[in-house]
Amino acid sequence: MMRALFRRIVAGPARTIGWLQIKQNATSIRELAAAIKAGPQPDPRLLPAVANRRIDPERMATALAVSVAEVEHRLMLRRRRTARAAYLYLGAAAAFLAGVAVRGDRGA
């Protein structure tokens, strides 16, 4: 009987405090700290750049496990998006400058 009472007294605060969860969280924090200290790991799918710094569709297709035609299609879509964004930013900048020029000193 005393033994059961002792177990209840000792186990009660341990469950209340949650030592097991604290220990698991401490382990997780240690693992995260070690990963941060180790720094970023290189992506094994990526290969070093080609010497002349041009895009190599064959190597990209191999790294991404897709066909060369798919890589070329993705590159074409990316170039279109980039060109569209450049024109939109150019237009926005021109509109802003035109607004500033029209407004002049009237806003001061």
PDB file of N, CA and C in Angstrom:
ATOM      1  N   MET A   1       0.812  -1.184   0.000  1.00  0.00           N
ATOM      2  CA  MET A   1       0.000   0.000   0.000  1.00  0.00           C
ATOM      3  C   MET A   1       0.863   1.259   0.000  1.00  0.00           C
ATOM      4  N   MET A   2       1.889   1.253   0.794  1.00  0.00           N
ATOM      5  CA  MET A   2       2.794   2.400   0.836  1.00  0.00           C
ATOM      6  C   MET A   2       3.505   2.581  -0.503  1.00  0.00           C
ATOM      7  N   ARG A   3       3.788   1.451  -1.105  1.00  0.00           N
ATOM      8  CA  ARG A   3       4.473   1.495  -2.389  1.00  0.00           C
ATOM      9  C   ARG A   3       3.587   2.152  -3.451  1.00  0.00           C
ATOM     10  N   ALA A   4       2.321   1.785  -3.486  1.00  0.00           N
ATOM     11  CA  ALA A   4       1.375   2.374  -4.438  1.00  0.00           C
ATOM     12  C   ALA A   4       1.200   3.860  -4.179  1.00  0.00           C
ATOM     13  N   LEU A   5       1.129   4.224  -2.922  1.00  0.00           N
ATOM     14  CA  LEU A   5       1.005   5.632  -2.572  1.00  0.00           C
ATOM     15  C   LEU A   5       2.247   6.411  -3.003  1.00  0.00           C
ATOM     16  N   PHE A   6       3.410   5.833  -2.778  1.00  0.00           N
ATOM     17  CA  PHE A   6       4.665   6.462  -3.187  1.00  0.00           C
ATOM     18  C   PHE A   6       4.713   6.661  -4.700  1.00  0.00           C
ATOM     19  N   ARG A   7       4.282   5.630  -5.449  1.00  0.00           N
ATOM     20  CA  ARG A   7       4.256   5.733  -6.914  1.00  0.00           C
ATOM     21  C   ARG A   7       3.346   6.862  -7.372  1.00  0.00           C
ATOM     22  N   ARG A   8       2.197   6.983  -6.735  1.00  0.00           N
ATOM     23  CA  ARG A   8       1.262   8.059  -7.103  1.00  0.00           C
ATOM     24  C   ARG A   8       1.862   9.426  -6.824  1.00  0.00           C
ATOM     25  N   ILE A   9       2.520   9.552  -5.707  1.00  0.00           N
ATOM     26  CA  ILE A   9       3.106  10.839  -5.333  1.00  0.00           C
ATOM     27  C   ILE A   9       4.238  11.207  -6.296  1.00  0.00           C
ATOM     28  N   VAL A  10       5.071  10.231  -6.628  1.00  0.00           N
ATOM     29  CA  VAL A  10       6.201  10.486  -7.509  1.00  0.00           C
ATOM     30  C   VAL A  10       5.751  10.627  -8.959  1.00  0.00           C
ATOM     31  N   ALA A  11       4.847   9.780  -9.417  1.00  0.00           N
ATOM     32  CA  ALA A  11       4.424   9.796 -10.822  1.00  0.00           C
ATOM     33  C   ALA A  11       3.517  10.968 -11.130  1.00  0.00           C
ATOM     34  N   GLY A  12       2.747  11.435 -10.171  1.00  0.00           N
ATOM     35  CA  GLY A  12       1.816  12.535 -10.424  1.00  0.00           C
ATOM     36  C   GLY A  12       2.502  13.793 -10.932  1.00  0.00           C
ATOM     37  N   PRO A  13       3.489  14.326 -10.210  1.00  0.00           N
ATOM     38  CA  PRO A  13       4.163  15.529 -10.694  1.00  0.00           C
ATOM     39  C   PRO A  13       4.913  15.305 -12.006  1.00  0.00           C
ATOM     40  N   ALA A  14       5.445  14.108 -12.190  1.00  0.00           N
ATOM     41  CA  ALA A  14       6.177  13.827 -13.426  1.00  0.00           C
ATOM     42  C   ALA A  14       5.241  13.909 -14.630  1.00  0.00           C
ATOM     43  N   ARG A  15       4.047  13.375 -14.486  1.00  0.00           N
ATOM     44  CA  ARG A  15       3.071  13.468 -15.572  1.00  0.00           C
ATOM     45  C   ARG A  15       2.595  14.896 -15.753  1.00  0.00           C
ATOM     46  N   THR A  16       2.409  15.580 -14.645  1.00  0.00           N
ATOM     47  CA  THR A  16       1.933  16.958 -14.711  1.00  0.00           C
ATOM     48  C   THR A  16       2.951  17.852 -15.410  1.00  0.00           C
ATOM     49  N   ILE A  17       4.202  17.697 -15.073  1.00  0.00           N
ATOM     50  CA  ILE A  17       5.260  18.519 -15.679  1.00  0.00           C
ATOM     51  C   ILE A  17       5.493  18.102 -17.120  1.00  0.00           C
ATOM     52  N   GLY A  18       5.365  16.840 -17.431  1.00  0.00           N
ATOM     53  CA  GLY A  18       5.552  16.353 -18.794  1.00  0.00           C
ATOM     54  C   GLY A  18       7.009  16.170 -19.169  1.00  0.00           C
ATOM     55  N   TRP A  19       7.757  15.466 -18.322  1.00  0.00           N
ATOM     56  CA  TRP A  19       9.187  15.288 -18.561  1.00  0.00           C
ATOM     57  C   TRP A  19       9.472  14.609 -19.885  1.00  0.00           C
ATOM     58  N   LEU A  20       8.665  13.647 -20.257  1.00  0.00           N
ATOM     59  CA  LEU A  20       8.903  12.939 -21.514  1.00  0.00           C
ATOM     60  C   LEU A  20       8.811  13.891 -22.703  1.00  0.00           C
ATOM     61  N   GLN A  21       7.803  14.735 -22.705  1.00  0.00           N
ATOM     62  CA  GLN A  21       7.647  15.694 -23.790  1.00  0.00           C
ATOM     63  C   GLN A  21       8.779  16.724 -23.788  1.00  0.00           C
ATOM     64  N   ILE A  22       9.198  17.140 -22.602  1.00  0.00           N
ATOM     65  CA  ILE A  22      10.321  18.087 -22.515  1.00  0.00           C
ATOM     66  C   ILE A  22      11.582  17.454 -23.082  1.00  0.00           C
ATOM     67  N   LYS A  23      11.801  16.187 -22.769  1.00  0.00           N
ATOM     68  CA  LYS A  23      12.987  15.486 -23.273  1.00  0.00           C
ATOM     69  C   LYS A  23      12.929  15.356 -24.796  1.00  0.00           C
ATOM     70  N   GLN A  24      11.755  15.012 -25.340  1.00  0.00           N
ATOM     71  CA  GLN A  24      11.605  14.896 -26.793  1.00  0.00           C
ATOM     72  C   GLN A  24      11.829  16.244 -27.477  1.00  0.00           C
ATOM     73  N   ASN A  25      11.305  17.321 -26.902  1.00  0.00           N
ATOM     74  CA  ASN A  25      11.486  18.642 -27.474  1.00  0.00           C
ATOM     75  C   ASN A  25      12.949  19.078 -27.418  1.00  0.00           C
ATOM     76  N   ALA A  26      13.630  18.752 -26.327  1.00  0.00           N
ATOM     77  CA  ALA A  26      15.055  19.078 -26.217  1.00  0.00           C
ATOM     78  C   ALA A  26      15.856  18.343 -27.282  1.00  0.00           C
ATOM     79  N   THR A  27      15.516  17.094 -27.525  1.00  0.00           N
ATOM     80  CA  THR A  27      16.187  16.323 -28.572  1.00  0.00           C
ATOM     81  C   THR A  27      15.945  16.953 -29.937  1.00  0.00           C
ATOM     82  N   SER A  28      14.717  17.378 -30.198  1.00  0.00           N
ATOM     83  CA  SER A  28      14.400  18.027 -31.474  1.00  0.00           C
ATOM     84  C   SER A  28      15.186  19.314 -31.642  1.00  0.00           C
ATOM     85  N   ILE A  29      15.287  20.087 -30.568  1.00  0.00           N
ATOM     86  CA  ILE A  29      16.034  21.345 -30.633  1.00  0.00           C
ATOM     87  C   ILE A  29      17.509  21.085 -30.895  1.00  0.00           C
ATOM     88  N   ARG A  30      18.078  20.059 -30.254  1.00  0.00           N
ATOM     89  CA  ARG A  30      19.472  19.710 -30.504  1.00  0.00           C
ATOM     90  C   ARG A  30      19.686  19.313 -31.960  1.00  0.00           C
ATOM     91  N   GLU A  31      18.766  18.507 -32.519  1.00  0.00           N
ATOM     92  CA  GLU A  31      18.887  18.086 -33.915  1.00  0.00           C
ATOM     93  C   GLU A  31      18.779  19.280 -34.865  1.00  0.00           C
ATOM     94  N   LEU A  32      17.852  20.207 -34.574  1.00  0.00           N
ATOM     95  CA  LEU A  32      17.719  21.400 -35.410  1.00  0.00           C
ATOM     96  C   LEU A  32      18.967  22.270 -35.326  1.00  0.00           C
ATOM     97  N   ALA A  33      19.527  22.425 -34.133  1.00  0.00           N
ATOM     98  CA  ALA A  33      20.748  23.215 -33.969  1.00  0.00           C
ATOM     99  C   ALA A  33      21.899  22.592 -34.754  1.00  0.00           C
ATOM    100  N   ALA A  34      22.008  21.278 -34.725  1.00  0.00           N
ATOM    101  CA  ALA A  34      23.064  20.602 -35.486  1.00  0.00           C
ATOM    102  C   ALA A  34      22.862  20.802 -36.987  1.00  0.00           C
ATOM    103  N   ALA A  35      21.605  20.758 -37.448  1.00  0.00           N
ATOM    104  CA  ALA A  35      21.335  20.967 -38.872  1.00  0.00           C
ATOM    105  C   ALA A  35      21.658  22.397 -39.280  1.00  0.00           C
ATOM    106  N   ILE A  36      21.377  23.356 -38.407  1.00  0.00           N
ATOM    107  CA  ILE A  36      21.685  24.758 -38.718  1.00  0.00           C
ATOM    108  C   ILE A  36      23.187  24.977 -38.756  1.00  0.00           C
ATOM    109  N   LYS A  37      23.908  24.378 -37.821  1.00  0.00           N
ATOM    110  CA  LYS A  37      25.368  24.504 -37.805  1.00  0.00           C
ATOM    111  C   LYS A  37      25.992  23.870 -39.034  1.00  0.00           C
ATOM    112  N   ALA A  38      25.417  22.768 -39.507  1.00  0.00           N
ATOM    113  CA  ALA A  38      25.953  22.079 -40.682  1.00  0.00           C
ATOM    114  C   ALA A  38      25.778  22.913 -41.943  1.00  0.00           C
ATOM    115  N   GLY A  39      24.774  23.785 -41.964  1.00  0.00           N
ATOM    116  CA  GLY A  39      24.545  24.637 -43.124  1.00  0.00           C
ATOM    117  C   GLY A  39      23.720  23.929 -44.175  1.00  0.00           C
ATOM    118  N   PRO A  40      23.421  24.652 -45.247  1.00  0.00           N
ATOM    119  CA  PRO A  40      22.595  24.059 -46.295  1.00  0.00           C
ATOM    120  C   PRO A  40      23.341  22.956 -47.043  1.00  0.00           C
ATOM    121  N   GLN A  41      22.619  21.915 -47.329  1.00  0.00           N
ATOM    122  CA  GLN A  41      23.200  20.797 -48.060  1.00  0.00           C
ATOM    123  C   GLN A  41      22.888  20.964 -49.546  1.00  0.00           C
ATOM    124  N   PRO A  42      23.818  20.653 -50.418  1.00  0.00           N
ATOM    125  CA  PRO A  42      23.551  20.797 -51.858  1.00  0.00           C
ATOM    126  C   PRO A  42      22.486  19.815 -52.323  1.00  0.00           C
ATOM    127  N   ASP A  43      21.697  20.265 -53.287  1.00  0.00           N
ATOM    128  CA  ASP A  43      20.657  19.413 -53.853  1.00  0.00           C
ATOM    129  C   ASP A  43      21.330  18.391 -54.756  1.00  0.00           C
ATOM    130  N   PRO A  44      21.169  17.097 -54.483  1.00  0.00           N
ATOM    131  CA  PRO A  44      21.865  16.094 -55.297  1.00  0.00           C
ATOM    132  C   PRO A  44      21.372  16.054 -56.743  1.00  0.00           C
ATOM    133  N   ARG A  45      20.165  16.598 -57.010  1.00  0.00           N
ATOM    134  CA  ARG A  45      19.664  16.586 -58.381  1.00  0.00           C
ATOM    135  C   ARG A  45      20.354  17.635 -59.253  1.00  0.00           C
ATOM    136  N   LEU A  46      20.926  18.670 -58.618  1.00  0.00           N
ATOM    137  CA  LEU A  46      21.538  19.749 -59.376  1.00  0.00           C
ATOM    138  C   LEU A  46      22.984  19.419 -59.693  1.00  0.00           C
ATOM    139  N   LEU A  47      23.374  19.729 -60.897  1.00  0.00           N
ATOM    140  CA  LEU A  47      24.737  19.491 -61.341  1.00  0.00           C
ATOM    141  C   LEU A  47      25.459  20.824 -61.460  1.00  0.00           C
ATOM    142  N   PRO A  48      26.780  20.817 -61.430  1.00  0.00           N
ATOM    143  CA  PRO A  48      27.504  22.077 -61.577  1.00  0.00           C
ATOM    144  C   PRO A  48      27.202  22.733 -62.924  1.00  0.00           C
ATOM    145  N   ALA A  49      27.310  24.043 -62.968  1.00  0.00           N
ATOM    146  CA  ALA A  49      27.014  24.784 -64.191  1.00  0.00           C
ATOM    147  C   ALA A  49      28.017  24.446 -65.293  1.00  0.00           C
ATOM    148  N   VAL A  50      27.566  24.578 -66.504  1.00  0.00           N
ATOM    149  CA  VAL A  50      28.437  24.353 -67.652  1.00  0.00           C
ATOM    150  C   VAL A  50      29.427  25.514 -67.724  1.00  0.00           C
ATOM    151  N   ALA A  51      30.621  25.255 -68.234  1.00  0.00           N
ATOM    152  CA  ALA A  51      31.685  26.251 -68.231  1.00  0.00           C
ATOM    153  C   ALA A  51      31.289  27.548 -68.949  1.00  0.00           C
ATOM    154  N   ASN A  52      30.574  27.452 -70.063  1.00  0.00           N
ATOM    155  CA  ASN A  52      30.233  28.667 -70.805  1.00  0.00           C
ATOM    156  C   ASN A  52      28.956  29.330 -70.277  1.00  0.00           C
ATOM    157  N   ARG A  53      28.425  28.835 -69.160  1.00  0.00           N
ATOM    158  CA  ARG A  53      27.281  29.403 -68.443  1.00  0.00           C
ATOM    159  C   ARG A  53      25.994  29.403 -69.268  1.00  0.00           C
ATOM    160  N   ARG A  54      25.887  28.539 -70.232  1.00  0.00           N
ATOM    161  CA  ARG A  54      24.653  28.396 -70.993  1.00  0.00           C
ATOM    162  C   ARG A  54      23.821  27.281 -70.380  1.00  0.00           C
ATOM    163  N   ILE A  55      22.518  27.333 -70.611  1.00  0.00           N
ATOM    164  CA  ILE A  55      21.621  26.304 -70.088  1.00  0.00           C
ATOM    165  C   ILE A  55      21.765  25.058 -70.953  1.00  0.00           C
ATOM    166  N   ASP A  56      21.957  23.937 -70.310  1.00  0.00           N
ATOM    167  CA  ASP A  56      22.097  22.664 -71.003  1.00  0.00           C
ATOM    168  C   ASP A  56      20.813  21.864 -70.808  1.00  0.00           C
ATOM    169  N   PRO A  57      19.920  21.826 -71.806  1.00  0.00           N
ATOM    170  CA  PRO A  57      18.640  21.125 -71.634  1.00  0.00           C
ATOM    171  C   PRO A  57      18.793  19.628 -71.361  1.00  0.00           C
ATOM    172  N   GLU A  58      19.818  19.009 -71.926  1.00  0.00           N
ATOM    173  CA  GLU A  58      20.003  17.576 -71.711  1.00  0.00           C
ATOM    174  C   GLU A  58      20.311  17.281 -70.243  1.00  0.00           C
ATOM    175  N   ARG A  59      21.216  18.068 -69.665  1.00  0.00           N
ATOM    176  CA  ARG A  59      21.563  17.856 -68.253  1.00  0.00           C
ATOM    177  C   ARG A  59      20.378  18.184 -67.353  1.00  0.00           C
ATOM    178  N   MET A  60      19.642  19.254 -67.697  1.00  0.00           N
ATOM    179  CA  MET A  60      18.471  19.612 -66.899  1.00  0.00           C
ATOM    180  C   MET A  60      17.422  18.511 -66.949  1.00  0.00           C
ATOM    181  N   ALA A  61      17.191  17.971 -68.139  1.00  0.00           N
ATOM    182  CA  ALA A  61      16.201  16.907 -68.295  1.00  0.00           C
ATOM    183  C   ALA A  61      16.593  15.682 -67.475  1.00  0.00           C
ATOM    184  N   THR A  62      17.872  15.376 -67.471  1.00  0.00           N
ATOM    185  CA  THR A  62      18.347  14.239 -66.682  1.00  0.00           C
ATOM    186  C   THR A  62      18.155  14.501 -65.190  1.00  0.00           C
ATOM    187  N   ALA A  63      18.487  15.704 -64.756  1.00  0.00           N
ATOM    188  CA  ALA A  63      18.371  16.040 -63.332  1.00  0.00           C
ATOM    189  C   ALA A  63      16.918  16.063 -62.875  1.00  0.00           C
ATOM    190  N   LEU A  64      16.000  16.525 -63.730  1.00  0.00           N
ATOM    191  CA  LEU A  64      14.593  16.625 -63.357  1.00  0.00           C
ATOM    192  C   LEU A  64      13.779  15.395 -63.734  1.00  0.00           C
ATOM    193  N   ALA A  65      14.395  14.462 -64.435  1.00  0.00           N
ATOM    194  CA  ALA A  65      13.744  13.226 -64.867  1.00  0.00           C
ATOM    195  C   ALA A  65      12.541  13.516 -65.763  1.00  0.00           C
ATOM    196  N   VAL A  66      12.746  14.418 -66.721  1.00  0.00           N
ATOM    197  CA  VAL A  66      11.731  14.720 -67.733  1.00  0.00           C
ATOM    198  C   VAL A  66      12.410  14.699 -69.092  1.00  0.00           C
ATOM    199  N   SER A  67      11.608  14.837 -70.140  1.00  0.00           N
ATOM    200  CA  SER A  67      12.177  14.814 -71.482  1.00  0.00           C
ATOM    201  C   SER A  67      12.818  16.160 -71.809  1.00  0.00           C
ATOM    202  N   VAL A  68      13.683  16.153 -72.799  1.00  0.00           N
ATOM    203  CA  VAL A  68      14.343  17.377 -73.249  1.00  0.00           C
ATOM    204  C   VAL A  68      13.306  18.349 -73.799  1.00  0.00           C
ATOM    205  N   ALA A  69      12.301  17.834 -74.505  1.00  0.00           N
ATOM    206  CA  ALA A  69      11.242  18.691 -75.043  1.00  0.00           C
ATOM    207  C   ALA A  69      10.495  19.402 -73.915  1.00  0.00           C
ATOM    208  N   GLU A  70      10.257  18.698 -72.813  1.00  0.00           N
ATOM    209  CA  GLU A  70       9.577  19.316 -71.669  1.00  0.00           C
ATOM    210  C   GLU A  70      10.432  20.427 -71.064  1.00  0.00           C
ATOM    211  N   VAL A  71      11.727  20.203 -70.956  1.00  0.00           N
ATOM    212  CA  VAL A  71      12.627  21.236 -70.424  1.00  0.00           C
ATOM    213  C   VAL A  71      12.620  22.452 -71.343  1.00  0.00           C
ATOM    214  N   GLU A  72      12.699  22.228 -72.650  1.00  0.00           N
ATOM    215  CA  GLU A  72      12.679  23.351 -73.595  1.00  0.00           C
ATOM    216  C   GLU A  72      11.353  24.096 -73.522  1.00  0.00           C
ATOM    217  N   HIS A  73      10.249  23.372 -73.353  1.00  0.00           N
ATOM    218  CA  HIS A  73       8.942  24.017 -73.220  1.00  0.00           C
ATOM    219  C   HIS A  73       8.886  24.872 -71.949  1.00  0.00           C
ATOM    220  N   ARG A  74       9.397  24.333 -70.838  1.00  0.00           N
ATOM    221  CA  ARG A  74       9.414  25.087 -69.579  1.00  0.00           C
ATOM    222  C   ARG A  74      10.274  26.334 -69.707  1.00  0.00           C
ATOM    223  N   LEU A  75      11.425  26.205 -70.357  1.00  0.00           N
ATOM    224  CA  LEU A  75      12.293  27.365 -70.547  1.00  0.00           C
ATOM    225  C   LEU A  75      11.610  28.428 -71.407  1.00  0.00           C
ATOM    226  N   MET A  76      10.900  28.014 -72.451  1.00  0.00           N
ATOM    227  CA  MET A  76      10.188  28.962 -73.300  1.00  0.00           C
ATOM    228  C   MET A  76       9.110  29.698 -72.492  1.00  0.00           C
ATOM    229  N   LEU A  77       8.355  28.957 -71.679  1.00  0.00           N
ATOM    230  CA  LEU A  77       7.327  29.589 -70.849  1.00  0.00           C
ATOM    231  C   LEU A  77       7.945  30.559 -69.845  1.00  0.00           C
ATOM    232  N   ARG A  78       9.085  30.186 -69.278  1.00  0.00           N
ATOM    233  CA  ARG A  78       9.758  31.060 -68.312  1.00  0.00           C
ATOM    234  C   ARG A  78      10.247  32.333 -68.988  1.00  0.00           C
ATOM    235  N   ARG A  79      10.777  32.208 -70.195  1.00  0.00           N
ATOM    236  CA  ARG A  79      11.230  33.401 -70.925  1.00  0.00           C
ATOM    237  C   ARG A  79      10.063  34.321 -71.242  1.00  0.00           C
ATOM    238  N   ARG A  80       8.928  33.745 -71.603  1.00  0.00           N
ATOM    239  CA  ARG A  80       7.743  34.560 -71.876  1.00  0.00           C
ATOM    240  C   ARG A  80       7.273  35.291 -70.624  1.00  0.00           C
ATOM    241  N   ARG A  81       7.235  34.578 -69.500  1.00  0.00           N
ATOM    242  CA  ARG A  81       6.817  35.216 -68.246  1.00  0.00           C
ATOM    243  C   ARG A  81       7.773  36.340 -67.861  1.00  0.00           C
ATOM    244  N   THR A  82       9.067  36.108 -68.051  1.00  0.00           N
ATOM    245  CA  THR A  82      10.058  37.126 -67.716  1.00  0.00           C
ATOM    246  C   THR A  82       9.888  38.353 -68.599  1.00  0.00           C
ATOM    247  N   ALA A  83       9.682  38.137 -69.898  1.00  0.00           N
ATOM    248  CA  ALA A  83       9.485  39.265 -70.812  1.00  0.00           C
ATOM    249  C   ALA A  83       8.211  40.026 -70.458  1.00  0.00           C
ATOM    250  N   ARG A  84       7.136  39.306 -70.163  1.00  0.00           N
ATOM    251  CA  ARG A  84       5.873  39.952 -69.798  1.00  0.00           C
ATOM    252  C   ARG A  84       6.051  40.790 -68.532  1.00  0.00           C
ATOM    253  N   ALA A  85       6.738  40.248 -67.542  1.00  0.00           N
ATOM    254  CA  ALA A  85       6.966  40.984 -66.297  1.00  0.00           C
ATOM    255  C   ALA A  85       7.811  42.231 -66.554  1.00  0.00           C
ATOM    256  N   ALA A  86       8.831  42.112 -67.414  1.00  0.00           N
ATOM    257  CA  ALA A  86       9.674  43.270 -67.724  1.00  0.00           C
ATOM    258  C   ALA A  86       8.850  44.376 -68.378  1.00  0.00           C
ATOM    259  N   TYR A  87       7.987  44.020 -69.319  1.00  0.00           N
ATOM    260  CA  TYR A  87       7.158  45.036 -69.969  1.00  0.00           C
ATOM    261  C   TYR A  87       6.173  45.658 -68.990  1.00  0.00           C
ATOM    262  N   LEU A  88       5.600  44.860 -68.103  1.00  0.00           N
ATOM    263  CA  LEU A  88       4.678  45.402 -67.101  1.00  0.00           C
ATOM    264  C   LEU A  88       5.384  46.370 -66.157  1.00  0.00           C
ATOM    265  N   TYR A  89       6.580  46.020 -65.712  1.00  0.00           N
ATOM    266  CA  TYR A  89       7.332  46.919 -64.830  1.00  0.00           C
ATOM    267  C   TYR A  89       7.740  48.193 -65.569  1.00  0.00           C
ATOM    268  N   LEU A  90       8.116  48.066 -66.820  1.00  0.00           N
ATOM    269  CA  LEU A  90       8.468  49.243 -67.622  1.00  0.00           C
ATOM    270  C   LEU A  90       7.260  50.163 -67.765  1.00  0.00           C
ATOM    271  N   GLY A  91       6.099  49.588 -68.050  1.00  0.00           N
ATOM    272  CA  GLY A  91       4.882  50.386 -68.177  1.00  0.00           C
ATOM    273  C   GLY A  91       4.504  51.055 -66.866  1.00  0.00           C
ATOM    274  N   ALA A  92       4.631  50.333 -65.758  1.00  0.00           N
ATOM    275  CA  ALA A  92       4.309  50.904 -64.447  1.00  0.00           C
ATOM    276  C   ALA A  92       5.258  52.044 -64.101  1.00  0.00           C
ATOM    277  N   ALA A  93       6.534  51.878 -64.399  1.00  0.00           N
ATOM    278  CA  ALA A  93       7.506  52.934 -64.135  1.00  0.00           C
ATOM    279  C   ALA A  93       7.229  54.160 -65.002  1.00  0.00           C
ATOM    280  N   ALA A  94       6.895  53.935 -66.273  1.00  0.00           N
ATOM    281  CA  ALA A  94       6.580  55.051 -67.170  1.00  0.00           C
ATOM    282  C   ALA A  94       5.336  55.791 -66.688  1.00  0.00           C
ATOM    283  N   ALA A  95       4.312  55.051 -66.250  1.00  0.00           N
ATOM    284  CA  ALA A  95       3.091  55.691 -65.748  1.00  0.00           C
ATOM    285  C   ALA A  95       3.387  56.486 -64.478  1.00  0.00           C
ATOM    286  N   PHE A  96       4.221  55.939 -63.611  1.00  0.00           N
ATOM    287  CA  PHE A  96       4.578  56.658 -62.393  1.00  0.00           C
ATOM    288  C   PHE A  96       5.314  57.949 -62.715  1.00  0.00           C
ATOM    289  N   LEU A  97       6.299  57.872 -63.592  1.00  0.00           N
ATOM    290  CA  LEU A  97       7.055  59.076 -63.958  1.00  0.00           C
ATOM    291  C   LEU A  97       6.179  60.097 -64.663  1.00  0.00           C
ATOM    292  N   ALA A  98       5.267  59.636 -65.509  1.00  0.00           N
ATOM    293  CA  ALA A  98       4.337  60.560 -66.172  1.00  0.00           C
ATOM    294  C   ALA A  98       3.451  61.238 -65.137  1.00  0.00           C
ATOM    295  N   GLY A  99       2.996  60.484 -64.148  1.00  0.00           N
ATOM    296  CA  GLY A  99       2.182  61.064 -63.080  1.00  0.00           C
ATOM    297  C   GLY A  99       2.938  62.105 -62.284  1.00  0.00           C
ATOM    298  N   VAL A 100       4.198  61.831 -61.992  1.00  0.00           N
ATOM    299  CA  VAL A 100       5.023  62.797 -61.267  1.00  0.00           C
ATOM    300  C   VAL A 100       5.238  64.044 -62.114  1.00  0.00           C
ATOM    301  N   ALA A 101       5.489  63.841 -63.414  1.00  0.00           N
ATOM    302  CA  ALA A 101       5.726  64.997 -64.293  1.00  0.00           C
ATOM    303  C   ALA A 101       4.463  65.842 -64.436  1.00  0.00           C
ATOM    304  N   VAL A 102       3.303  65.234 -64.553  1.00  0.00           N
ATOM    305  CA  VAL A 102       2.053  65.976 -64.696  1.00  0.00           C
ATOM    306  C   VAL A 102       1.702  66.703 -63.393  1.00  0.00           C
ATOM    307  N   ARG A 103       1.933  66.009 -62.307  1.00  0.00           N
ATOM    308  CA  ARG A 103       1.589  66.596 -61.010  1.00  0.00           C
ATOM    309  C   ARG A 103       2.472  67.798 -60.710  1.00  0.00           C
ATOM    310  N   GLY A 104       3.741  67.685 -61.022  1.00  0.00           N
ATOM    311  CA  GLY A 104       4.671  68.784 -60.806  1.00  0.00           C
ATOM    312  C   GLY A 104       4.739  69.200 -59.365  1.00  0.00           C
ATOM    313  N   ASP A 105       4.692  70.492 -59.124  1.00  0.00           N
ATOM    314  CA  ASP A 105       4.772  71.036 -57.763  1.00  0.00           C
ATOM    315  C   ASP A 105       3.410  71.272 -57.152  1.00  0.00           C
ATOM    316  N   ARG A 106       2.348  70.850 -57.806  1.00  0.00           N
ATOM    317  CA  ARG A 106       1.019  71.091 -57.279  1.00  0.00           C
ATOM    318  C   ARG A 106       0.760  70.369 -55.978  1.00  0.00           C
ATOM    319  N   GLY A 107       1.438  69.273 -55.724  1.00  0.00           N
ATOM    320  CA  GLY A 107       1.174  68.489 -54.528  1.00  0.00           C
ATOM    321  C   GLY A 107       1.856  69.028 -53.293  1.00  0.00           C
ATOM    322  N   ALA A 108       2.794  69.936 -53.445  1.00  0.00           N
ATOM    323  CA  ALA A 108       3.547  70.420 -52.289  1.00  0.00           C
ATOM    324  C   ALA A 108       2.836  71.443 -51.482  1.00  0.00           C
TER     325      ALA A 108
END
